[in-house]
Amino acid sequence: MSSILLPDEITKRLRDIPGWQLSNDGKSIEQTFKFSDFRSAFGFMTQVALAAEKMDHHPDWSNVYNTVRIQLSTHDAGGITERDITLAKTTNTLVHK
């Protein structure tokens, strides 16, 4: 099981992941992505889904037309871990492809 990151470590790590922020309850990190249309948003979600599946770490997310909201938390650890940071970084890489 992954270790939960301390609040100061999360804040520090988020500085290196543009657009990601700590959720209001402090239990996840989140970002909202906007695309030109539904097709682009869905294509992005497909890429993230494939990367998440390889990591065996799956996001909580929603999609409305051109907007994708992603929340990351390691549920079995009960908070934010290195796995969430890694998937956030991967997600940012995919949005710029």
PDB file of N, CA and C in Angstrom:
ATOM      1  N   MET A   1       0.833  -1.178   0.000  1.00  0.00           N
ATOM      2  CA  MET A   1       0.000   0.000   0.000  1.00  0.00           C
ATOM      3  C   MET A   1       0.885   1.250   0.000  1.00  0.00           C
ATOM      4  N   SER A   2       0.446   2.268  -0.685  1.00  0.00           N
ATOM      5  CA  SER A   2       1.172   3.532  -0.763  1.00  0.00           C
ATOM      6  C   SER A   2       0.987   4.348   0.503  1.00  0.00           C
ATOM      7  N   SER A   3       1.993   5.146   0.829  1.00  0.00           N
ATOM      8  CA  SER A   3       1.926   6.019   2.003  1.00  0.00           C
ATOM      9  C   SER A   3       1.257   7.332   1.641  1.00  0.00           C
ATOM     10  N   ILE A   4       0.430   7.842   2.542  1.00  0.00           N
ATOM     11  CA  ILE A   4      -0.227   9.135   2.343  1.00  0.00           C
ATOM     12  C   ILE A   4       0.810  10.238   2.461  1.00  0.00           C
ATOM     13  N   LEU A   5       0.750  11.192   1.542  1.00  0.00           N
ATOM     14  CA  LEU A   5       1.647  12.337   1.591  1.00  0.00           C
ATOM     15  C   LEU A   5       1.136  13.343   2.622  1.00  0.00           C
ATOM     16  N   LEU A   6       2.053  13.991   3.316  1.00  0.00           N
ATOM     17  CA  LEU A   6       1.695  15.022   4.284  1.00  0.00           C
ATOM     18  C   LEU A   6       1.262  16.292   3.550  1.00  0.00           C
ATOM     19  N   PRO A   7       0.413  17.113   4.168  1.00  0.00           N
ATOM     20  CA  PRO A   7      -0.094  18.324   3.499  1.00  0.00           C
ATOM     21  C   PRO A   7       1.000  19.226   2.916  1.00  0.00           C
ATOM     22  N   ASP A   8       2.071  19.443   3.644  1.00  0.00           N
ATOM     23  CA  ASP A   8       3.153  20.292   3.123  1.00  0.00           C
ATOM     24  C   ASP A   8       3.804  19.680   1.882  1.00  0.00           C
ATOM     25  N   GLU A   9       3.951  18.361   1.885  1.00  0.00           N
ATOM     26  CA  GLU A   9       4.537  17.670   0.733  1.00  0.00           C
ATOM     27  C   GLU A   9       3.607  17.755  -0.469  1.00  0.00           C
ATOM     28  N   ILE A  10       2.305  17.633  -0.252  1.00  0.00           N
ATOM     29  CA  ILE A  10       1.343  17.754  -1.352  1.00  0.00           C
ATOM     30  C   ILE A  10       1.429  19.140  -1.970  1.00  0.00           C
ATOM     31  N   THR A  11       1.413  20.166  -1.134  1.00  0.00           N
ATOM     32  CA  THR A  11       1.499  21.549  -1.620  1.00  0.00           C
ATOM     33  C   THR A  11       2.771  21.760  -2.433  1.00  0.00           C
ATOM     34  N   LYS A  12       3.864  21.254  -1.939  1.00  0.00           N
ATOM     35  CA  LYS A  12       5.155  21.372  -2.633  1.00  0.00           C
ATOM     36  C   LYS A  12       5.111  20.659  -3.981  1.00  0.00           C
ATOM     37  N   ARG A  13       4.584  19.451  -4.003  1.00  0.00           N
ATOM     38  CA  ARG A  13       4.544  18.660  -5.238  1.00  0.00           C
ATOM     39  C   ARG A  13       3.613  19.274  -6.281  1.00  0.00           C
ATOM     40  N   LEU A  14       2.518  19.894  -5.838  1.00  0.00           N
ATOM     41  CA  LEU A  14       1.568  20.488  -6.778  1.00  0.00           C
ATOM     42  C   LEU A  14       2.158  21.678  -7.526  1.00  0.00           C
ATOM     43  N   ARG A  15       3.172  22.306  -6.967  1.00  0.00           N
ATOM     44  CA  ARG A  15       3.837  23.427  -7.664  1.00  0.00           C
ATOM     45  C   ARG A  15       4.437  22.978  -8.997  1.00  0.00           C
ATOM     46  N   ASP A  16       4.764  21.700  -9.098  1.00  0.00           N
ATOM     47  CA  ASP A  16       5.379  21.152 -10.312  1.00  0.00           C
ATOM     48  C   ASP A  16       4.365  20.551 -11.282  1.00  0.00           C
ATOM     49  N   ILE A  17       3.075  20.671 -10.955  1.00  0.00           N
ATOM     50  CA  ILE A  17       2.037  20.087 -11.809  1.00  0.00           C
ATOM     51  C   ILE A  17       1.004  21.182 -12.114  1.00  0.00           C
ATOM     52  N   PRO A  18       1.240  21.967 -13.157  1.00  0.00           N
ATOM     53  CA  PRO A  18       0.362  23.102 -13.456  1.00  0.00           C
ATOM     54  C   PRO A  18      -1.120  22.721 -13.547  1.00  0.00           C
ATOM     55  N   GLY A  19      -1.958  23.552 -12.918  1.00  0.00           N
ATOM     56  CA  GLY A  19      -3.400  23.386 -12.992  1.00  0.00           C
ATOM     57  C   GLY A  19      -4.012  22.516 -11.912  1.00  0.00           C
ATOM     58  N   TRP A  20      -3.215  21.699 -11.265  1.00  0.00           N
ATOM     59  CA  TRP A  20      -3.733  20.802 -10.232  1.00  0.00           C
ATOM     60  C   TRP A  20      -3.772  21.530  -8.896  1.00  0.00           C
ATOM     61  N   GLN A  21      -4.810  21.245  -8.118  1.00  0.00           N
ATOM     62  CA  GLN A  21      -4.935  21.863  -6.806  1.00  0.00           C
ATOM     63  C   GLN A  21      -5.508  20.865  -5.809  1.00  0.00           C
ATOM     64  N   LEU A  22      -5.326  21.178  -4.554  1.00  0.00           N
ATOM     65  CA  LEU A  22      -5.872  20.360  -3.489  1.00  0.00           C
ATOM     66  C   LEU A  22      -7.373  20.629  -3.412  1.00  0.00           C
ATOM     67  N   SER A  23      -8.155  19.581  -3.260  1.00  0.00           N
ATOM     68  CA  SER A  23      -9.602  19.735  -3.135  1.00  0.00           C
ATOM     69  C   SER A  23      -9.942  20.459  -1.831  1.00  0.00           C
ATOM     70  N   ASN A  24     -11.142  20.977  -1.746  1.00  0.00           N
ATOM     71  CA  ASN A  24     -11.572  21.706  -0.544  1.00  0.00           C
ATOM     72  C   ASN A  24     -11.491  20.860   0.720  1.00  0.00           C
ATOM     73  N   ASP A  25     -11.764  19.560   0.596  1.00  0.00           N
ATOM     74  CA  ASP A  25     -11.715  18.702   1.782  1.00  0.00           C
ATOM     75  C   ASP A  25     -10.308  18.161   2.063  1.00  0.00           C
ATOM     76  N   GLY A  26      -9.357  18.450   1.172  1.00  0.00           N
ATOM     77  CA  GLY A  26      -7.973  18.026   1.370  1.00  0.00           C
ATOM     78  C   GLY A  26      -7.718  16.551   1.164  1.00  0.00           C
ATOM     79  N   LYS A  27      -8.706  15.833   0.604  1.00  0.00           N
ATOM     80  CA  LYS A  27      -8.568  14.387   0.450  1.00  0.00           C
ATOM     81  C   LYS A  27      -8.232  13.946  -0.965  1.00  0.00           C
ATOM     82  N   SER A  28      -8.160  14.898  -1.890  1.00  0.00           N
ATOM     83  CA  SER A  28      -7.821  14.563  -3.275  1.00  0.00           C
ATOM     84  C   SER A  28      -7.192  15.785  -3.941  1.00  0.00           C
ATOM     85  N   ILE A  29      -6.606  15.537  -5.105  1.00  0.00           N
ATOM     86  CA  ILE A  29      -6.152  16.637  -5.949  1.00  0.00           C
ATOM     87  C   ILE A  29      -7.056  16.651  -7.171  1.00  0.00           C
ATOM     88  N   GLU A  30      -7.230  17.827  -7.762  1.00  0.00           N
ATOM     89  CA  GLU A  30      -8.200  17.931  -8.845  1.00  0.00           C
ATOM     90  C   GLU A  30      -7.802  18.971  -9.879  1.00  0.00           C
ATOM     91  N   GLN A  31      -8.387  18.790 -11.057  1.00  0.00           N
ATOM     92  CA  GLN A  31      -8.226  19.763 -12.133  1.00  0.00           C
ATOM     93  C   GLN A  31      -9.408  19.613 -13.089  1.00  0.00           C
ATOM     94  N   THR A  32      -9.792  20.725 -13.685  1.00  0.00           N
ATOM     95  CA  THR A  32     -10.822  20.732 -14.713  1.00  0.00           C
ATOM     96  C   THR A  32     -10.164  21.116 -16.027  1.00  0.00           C
ATOM     97  N   PHE A  33     -10.394  20.313 -17.052  1.00  0.00           N
ATOM     98  CA  PHE A  33      -9.831  20.527 -18.377  1.00  0.00           C
ATOM     99  C   PHE A  33     -10.947  20.918 -19.336  1.00  0.00           C
ATOM    100  N   LYS A  34     -10.691  21.913 -20.178  1.00  0.00           N
ATOM    101  CA  LYS A  34     -11.674  22.341 -21.194  1.00  0.00           C
ATOM    102  C   LYS A  34     -11.082  22.083 -22.576  1.00  0.00           C
ATOM    103  N   PHE A  35     -11.924  21.594 -23.481  1.00  0.00           N
ATOM    104  CA  PHE A  35     -11.518  21.269 -24.839  1.00  0.00           C
ATOM    105  C   PHE A  35     -12.420  22.000 -25.831  1.00  0.00           C
ATOM    106  N   SER A  36     -12.084  21.932 -27.087  1.00  0.00           N
ATOM    107  CA  SER A  36     -12.864  22.641 -28.104  1.00  0.00           C
ATOM    108  C   SER A  36     -14.226  22.000 -28.343  1.00  0.00           C
ATOM    109  N   ASP A  37     -14.319  20.683 -28.105  1.00  0.00           N
ATOM    110  CA  ASP A  37     -15.577  19.983 -28.350  1.00  0.00           C
ATOM    111  C   ASP A  37     -15.588  18.649 -27.607  1.00  0.00           C
ATOM    112  N   PHE A  38     -16.709  17.945 -27.705  1.00  0.00           N
ATOM    113  CA  PHE A  38     -16.867  16.662 -27.016  1.00  0.00           C
ATOM    114  C   PHE A  38     -15.865  15.622 -27.510  1.00  0.00           C
ATOM    115  N   ARG A  39     -15.649  15.580 -28.803  1.00  0.00           N
ATOM    116  CA  ARG A  39     -14.736  14.586 -29.376  1.00  0.00           C
ATOM    117  C   ARG A  39     -13.337  14.717 -28.782  1.00  0.00           C
ATOM    118  N   SER A  40     -12.844  15.938 -28.672  1.00  0.00           N
ATOM    119  CA  SER A  40     -11.521  16.173 -28.078  1.00  0.00           C
ATOM    120  C   SER A  40     -11.491  15.774 -26.610  1.00  0.00           C
ATOM    121  N   ALA A  41     -12.552  16.120 -25.883  1.00  0.00           N
ATOM    122  CA  ALA A  41     -12.630  15.765 -24.460  1.00  0.00           C
ATOM    123  C   ALA A  41     -12.641  14.247 -24.286  1.00  0.00           C
ATOM    124  N   PHE A  42     -13.426  13.567 -25.104  1.00  0.00           N
ATOM    125  CA  PHE A  42     -13.530  12.116 -24.994  1.00  0.00           C
ATOM    126  C   PHE A  42     -12.223  11.444 -25.407  1.00  0.00           C
ATOM    127  N   GLY A  43     -11.555  11.976 -26.413  1.00  0.00           N
ATOM    128  CA  GLY A  43     -10.260  11.432 -26.820  1.00  0.00           C
ATOM    129  C   GLY A  43      -9.241  11.536 -25.692  1.00  0.00           C
ATOM    130  N   PHE A  44      -9.246  12.672 -25.011  1.00  0.00           N
ATOM    131  CA  PHE A  44      -8.372  12.871 -23.855  1.00  0.00           C
ATOM    132  C   PHE A  44      -8.699  11.855 -22.762  1.00  0.00           C
ATOM    133  N   MET A  45      -9.971  11.671 -22.488  1.00  0.00           N
ATOM    134  CA  MET A  45     -10.373  10.708 -21.460  1.00  0.00           C
ATOM    135  C   MET A  45      -9.918   9.292 -21.823  1.00  0.00           C
ATOM    136  N   THR A  46      -9.978   8.962 -23.085  1.00  0.00           N
ATOM    137  CA  THR A  46      -9.529   7.640 -23.528  1.00  0.00           C
ATOM    138  C   THR A  46      -8.040   7.461 -23.262  1.00  0.00           C
ATOM    139  N   GLN A  47      -7.254   8.488 -23.573  1.00  0.00           N
ATOM    140  CA  GLN A  47      -5.807   8.412 -23.313  1.00  0.00           C
ATOM    141  C   GLN A  47      -5.514   8.281 -21.827  1.00  0.00           C
ATOM    142  N   VAL A  48      -6.219   9.051 -21.011  1.00  0.00           N
ATOM    143  CA  VAL A  48      -6.025   8.974 -19.562  1.00  0.00           C
ATOM    144  C   VAL A  48      -6.443   7.595 -19.054  1.00  0.00           C
ATOM    145  N   ALA A  49      -7.543   7.069 -19.565  1.00  0.00           N
ATOM    146  CA  ALA A  49      -8.017   5.755 -19.138  1.00  0.00           C
ATOM    147  C   ALA A  49      -6.972   4.672 -19.417  1.00  0.00           C
ATOM    148  N   LEU A  50      -6.345   4.722 -20.570  1.00  0.00           N
ATOM    149  CA  LEU A  50      -5.322   3.728 -20.908  1.00  0.00           C
ATOM    150  C   LEU A  50      -4.109   3.851 -19.993  1.00  0.00           C
ATOM    151  N   ALA A  51      -3.679   5.089 -19.718  1.00  0.00           N
ATOM    152  CA  ALA A  51      -2.543   5.303 -18.817  1.00  0.00           C
ATOM    153  C   ALA A  51      -2.891   4.858 -17.397  1.00  0.00           C
ATOM    154  N   ALA A  52      -4.098   5.186 -16.948  1.00  0.00           N
ATOM    155  CA  ALA A  52      -4.535   4.808 -15.599  1.00  0.00           C
ATOM    156  C   ALA A  52      -4.603   3.288 -15.457  1.00  0.00           C
ATOM    157  N   GLU A  53      -5.086   2.638 -16.489  1.00  0.00           N
ATOM    158  CA  GLU A  53      -5.183   1.177 -16.451  1.00  0.00           C
ATOM    159  C   GLU A  53      -3.794   0.540 -16.323  1.00  0.00           C
ATOM    160  N   LYS A  54      -2.814   1.080 -17.030  1.00  0.00           N
ATOM    161  CA  LYS A  54      -1.440   0.566 -16.925  1.00  0.00           C
ATOM    162  C   LYS A  54      -0.900   0.732 -15.512  1.00  0.00           C
ATOM    163  N   MET A  55      -1.302   1.842 -14.863  1.00  0.00           N
ATOM    164  CA  MET A  55      -0.850   2.116 -13.496  1.00  0.00           C
ATOM    165  C   MET A  55      -1.686   1.373 -12.454  1.00  0.00           C
ATOM    166  N   ASP A  56      -2.811   0.805 -12.891  1.00  0.00           N
ATOM    167  CA  ASP A  56      -3.792   0.219 -11.974  1.00  0.00           C
ATOM    168  C   ASP A  56      -4.196   1.238 -10.910  1.00  0.00           C
ATOM    169  N   HIS A  57      -4.460   2.452 -11.401  1.00  0.00           N
ATOM    170  CA  HIS A  57      -4.840   3.570 -10.531  1.00  0.00           C
ATOM    171  C   HIS A  57      -5.834   4.427 -11.295  1.00  0.00           C
ATOM    172  N   HIS A  58      -7.072   4.447 -10.859  1.00  0.00           N
ATOM    173  CA  HIS A  58      -8.142   5.011 -11.672  1.00  0.00           C
ATOM    174  C   HIS A  58      -8.721   6.285 -11.074  1.00  0.00           C
ATOM    175  N   PRO A  59      -8.966   7.288 -11.927  1.00  0.00           N
ATOM    176  CA  PRO A  59      -9.463   8.578 -11.442  1.00  0.00           C
ATOM    177  C   PRO A  59     -10.962   8.551 -11.146  1.00  0.00           C
ATOM    178  N   ASP A  60     -11.373   9.493 -10.321  1.00  0.00           N
ATOM    179  CA  ASP A  60     -12.780   9.850 -10.209  1.00  0.00           C
ATOM    180  C   ASP A  60     -12.934  11.010 -11.171  1.00  0.00           C
ATOM    181  N   TRP A  61     -13.864  10.888 -12.110  1.00  0.00           N
ATOM    182  CA  TRP A  61     -13.976  11.959 -13.093  1.00  0.00           C
ATOM    183  C   TRP A  61     -15.382  12.103 -13.624  1.00  0.00           C
ATOM    184  N   SER A  62     -15.592  13.238 -14.291  1.00  0.00           N
ATOM    185  CA  SER A  62     -16.878  13.479 -14.942  1.00  0.00           C
ATOM    186  C   SER A  62     -16.609  14.227 -16.243  1.00  0.00           C
ATOM    187  N   ASN A  63     -17.549  14.101 -17.154  1.00  0.00           N
ATOM    188  CA  ASN A  63     -17.449  14.759 -18.450  1.00  0.00           C
ATOM    189  C   ASN A  63     -18.805  15.346 -18.812  1.00  0.00           C
ATOM    190  N   VAL A  64     -18.806  16.626 -19.146  1.00  0.00           N
ATOM    191  CA  VAL A  64     -19.980  17.285 -19.692  1.00  0.00           C
ATOM    192  C   VAL A  64     -19.512  18.027 -20.936  1.00  0.00           C
ATOM    193  N   TYR A  65     -19.958  17.551 -22.077  1.00  0.00           N
ATOM    194  CA  TYR A  65     -19.606  18.065 -23.391  1.00  0.00           C
ATOM    195  C   TYR A  65     -18.096  18.241 -23.542  1.00  0.00           C
ATOM    196  N   ASN A  66     -17.575  19.456 -23.400  1.00  0.00           N
ATOM    197  CA  ASN A  66     -16.153  19.706 -23.657  1.00  0.00           C
ATOM    198  C   ASN A  66     -15.331  19.848 -22.375  1.00  0.00           C
ATOM    199  N   THR A  67     -15.911  19.505 -21.239  1.00  0.00           N
ATOM    200  CA  THR A  67     -15.249  19.704 -19.952  1.00  0.00           C
ATOM    201  C   THR A  67     -15.050  18.364 -19.255  1.00  0.00           C
ATOM    202  N   VAL A  68     -13.829  18.134 -18.781  1.00  0.00           N
ATOM    203  CA  VAL A  68     -13.490  16.919 -18.040  1.00  0.00           C
ATOM    204  C   VAL A  68     -12.950  17.358 -16.680  1.00  0.00           C
ATOM    205  N   ARG A  69     -13.577  16.882 -15.628  1.00  0.00           N
ATOM    206  CA  ARG A  69     -13.119  17.168 -14.260  1.00  0.00           C
ATOM    207  C   ARG A  69     -12.550  15.875 -13.686  1.00  0.00           C
ATOM    208  N   ILE A  70     -11.307  15.966 -13.195  1.00  0.00           N
ATOM    209  CA  ILE A  70     -10.632  14.783 -12.654  1.00  0.00           C
ATOM    210  C   ILE A  70     -10.260  15.032 -11.199  1.00  0.00           C
ATOM    211  N   GLN A  71     -10.554  14.047 -10.358  1.00  0.00           N
ATOM    212  CA  GLN A  71     -10.114  14.041  -8.968  1.00  0.00           C
ATOM    213  C   GLN A  71      -9.289  12.774  -8.752  1.00  0.00           C
ATOM    214  N   LEU A  72      -8.162  12.940  -8.076  1.00  0.00           N
ATOM    215  CA  LEU A  72      -7.281  11.807  -7.806  1.00  0.00           C
ATOM    216  C   LEU A  72      -7.073  11.642  -6.312  1.00  0.00           C
ATOM    217  N   SER A  73      -7.235  10.417  -5.859  1.00  0.00           N
ATOM    218  CA  SER A  73      -7.012  10.037  -4.474  1.00  0.00           C
ATOM    219  C   SER A  73      -6.753   8.532  -4.472  1.00  0.00           C
ATOM    220  N   THR A  74      -5.918   8.095  -3.563  1.00  0.00           N
ATOM    221  CA  THR A  74      -5.666   6.659  -3.441  1.00  0.00           C
ATOM    222  C   THR A  74      -6.615   6.133  -2.367  1.00  0.00           C
ATOM    223  N   HIS A  75      -7.727   5.586  -2.811  1.00  0.00           N
ATOM    224  CA  HIS A  75      -8.800   5.202  -1.892  1.00  0.00           C
ATOM    225  C   HIS A  75      -8.362   4.186  -0.846  1.00  0.00           C
ATOM    226  N   ASP A  76      -7.587   3.177  -1.260  1.00  0.00           N
ATOM    227  CA  ASP A  76      -7.194   2.155  -0.281  1.00  0.00           C
ATOM    228  C   ASP A  76      -6.213   2.678   0.760  1.00  0.00           C
ATOM    229  N   ALA A  77      -5.551   3.810   0.468  1.00  0.00           N
ATOM    230  CA  ALA A  77      -4.642   4.425   1.437  1.00  0.00           C
ATOM    231  C   ALA A  77      -5.356   5.503   2.254  1.00  0.00           C
ATOM    232  N   GLY A  78      -6.495   5.952   1.754  1.00  0.00           N
ATOM    233  CA  GLY A  78      -7.259   6.961   2.474  1.00  0.00           C
ATOM    234  C   GLY A  78      -6.781   8.387   2.283  1.00  0.00           C
ATOM    235  N   GLY A  79      -6.141   8.663   1.149  1.00  0.00           N
ATOM    236  CA  GLY A  79      -5.668  10.028   0.899  1.00  0.00           C
ATOM    237  C   GLY A  79      -4.830  10.119  -0.349  1.00  0.00           C
ATOM    238  N   ILE A  80      -4.034  11.149  -0.415  1.00  0.00           N
ATOM    239  CA  ILE A  80      -3.208  11.444  -1.589  1.00  0.00           C
ATOM    240  C   ILE A  80      -1.844  10.785  -1.413  1.00  0.00           C
ATOM    241  N   THR A  81      -1.435  10.045  -2.444  1.00  0.00           N
ATOM    242  CA  THR A  81      -0.145   9.350  -2.412  1.00  0.00           C
ATOM    243  C   THR A  81       0.653   9.704  -3.665  1.00  0.00           C
ATOM    244  N   GLU A  82       1.823   9.135  -3.737  1.00  0.00           N
ATOM    245  CA  GLU A  82       2.693   9.329  -4.900  1.00  0.00           C
ATOM    246  C   GLU A  82       2.010   8.876  -6.186  1.00  0.00           C
ATOM    247  N   ARG A  83       1.139   7.888  -6.093  1.00  0.00           N
ATOM    248  CA  ARG A  83       0.436   7.398  -7.284  1.00  0.00           C
ATOM    249  C   ARG A  83      -0.431   8.503  -7.892  1.00  0.00           C
ATOM    250  N   ASP A  84      -1.034   9.325  -7.047  1.00  0.00           N
ATOM    251  CA  ASP A  84      -1.869  10.420  -7.531  1.00  0.00           C
ATOM    252  C   ASP A  84      -1.018  11.495  -8.213  1.00  0.00           C
ATOM    253  N   ILE A  85       0.119  11.783  -7.636  1.00  0.00           N
ATOM    254  CA  ILE A  85       1.035  12.764  -8.222  1.00  0.00           C
ATOM    255  C   ILE A  85       1.496  12.278  -9.592  1.00  0.00           C
ATOM    256  N   THR A  86       1.855  11.020  -9.683  1.00  0.00           N
ATOM    257  CA  THR A  86       2.318  10.449 -10.951  1.00  0.00           C
ATOM    258  C   THR A  86       1.223  10.495 -12.017  1.00  0.00           C
ATOM    259  N   LEU A  87      -0.007  10.129 -11.648  1.00  0.00           N
ATOM    260  CA  LEU A  87      -1.089  10.157 -12.632  1.00  0.00           C
ATOM    261  C   LEU A  87      -1.430  11.595 -13.033  1.00  0.00           C
ATOM    262  N   ALA A  88      -1.348  12.538 -12.114  1.00  0.00           N
ATOM    263  CA  ALA A  88      -1.577  13.950 -12.459  1.00  0.00           C
ATOM    264  C   ALA A  88      -0.539  14.426 -13.474  1.00  0.00           C
ATOM    265  N   LYS A  89       0.714  14.085 -13.253  1.00  0.00           N
ATOM    266  CA  LYS A  89       1.776  14.465 -14.201  1.00  0.00           C
ATOM    267  C   LYS A  89       1.531  13.830 -15.567  1.00  0.00           C
ATOM    268  N   THR A  90       1.160  12.565 -15.569  1.00  0.00           N
ATOM    269  CA  THR A  90       0.879  11.860 -16.821  1.00  0.00           C
ATOM    270  C   THR A  90      -0.291  12.521 -17.556  1.00  0.00           C
ATOM    271  N   THR A  91      -1.320  12.866 -16.802  1.00  0.00           N
ATOM    272  CA  THR A  91      -2.507  13.524 -17.377  1.00  0.00           C
ATOM    273  C   THR A  91      -2.120  14.838 -18.046  1.00  0.00           C
ATOM    274  N   ASN A  92      -1.287  15.630 -17.379  1.00  0.00           N
ATOM    275  CA  ASN A  92      -0.842  16.887 -17.981  1.00  0.00           C
ATOM    276  C   ASN A  92      -0.065  16.659 -19.267  1.00  0.00           C
ATOM    277  N   THR A  93       0.727  15.608 -19.310  1.00  0.00           N
ATOM    278  CA  THR A  93       1.462  15.280 -20.533  1.00  0.00           C
ATOM    279  C   THR A  93       0.489  14.925 -21.669  1.00  0.00           C
ATOM    280  N   LEU A  94      -0.555  14.180 -21.349  1.00  0.00           N
ATOM    281  CA  LEU A  94      -1.511  13.752 -22.370  1.00  0.00           C
ATOM    282  C   LEU A  94      -2.359  14.891 -22.912  1.00  0.00           C
ATOM    283  N   VAL A  95      -2.652  15.868 -22.086  1.00  0.00           N
ATOM    284  CA  VAL A  95      -3.500  16.982 -22.544  1.00  0.00           C
ATOM    285  C   VAL A  95      -2.762  17.838 -23.564  1.00  0.00           C
ATOM    286  N   HIS A  96      -1.451  17.795 -23.577  1.00  0.00           N
ATOM    287  CA  HIS A  96      -0.660  18.604 -24.508  1.00  0.00           C
ATOM    288  C   HIS A  96      -0.235  17.848 -25.755  1.00  0.00           C
ATOM    289  N   LYS A  97      -0.745  16.638 -25.949  1.00  0.00           N
ATOM    290  CA  LYS A  97      -0.411  15.852 -27.154  1.00  0.00           C
ATOM    291  C   LYS A  97      -1.248  16.309 -28.322  1.00  0.00           C
TER     292      LYS A  97
END
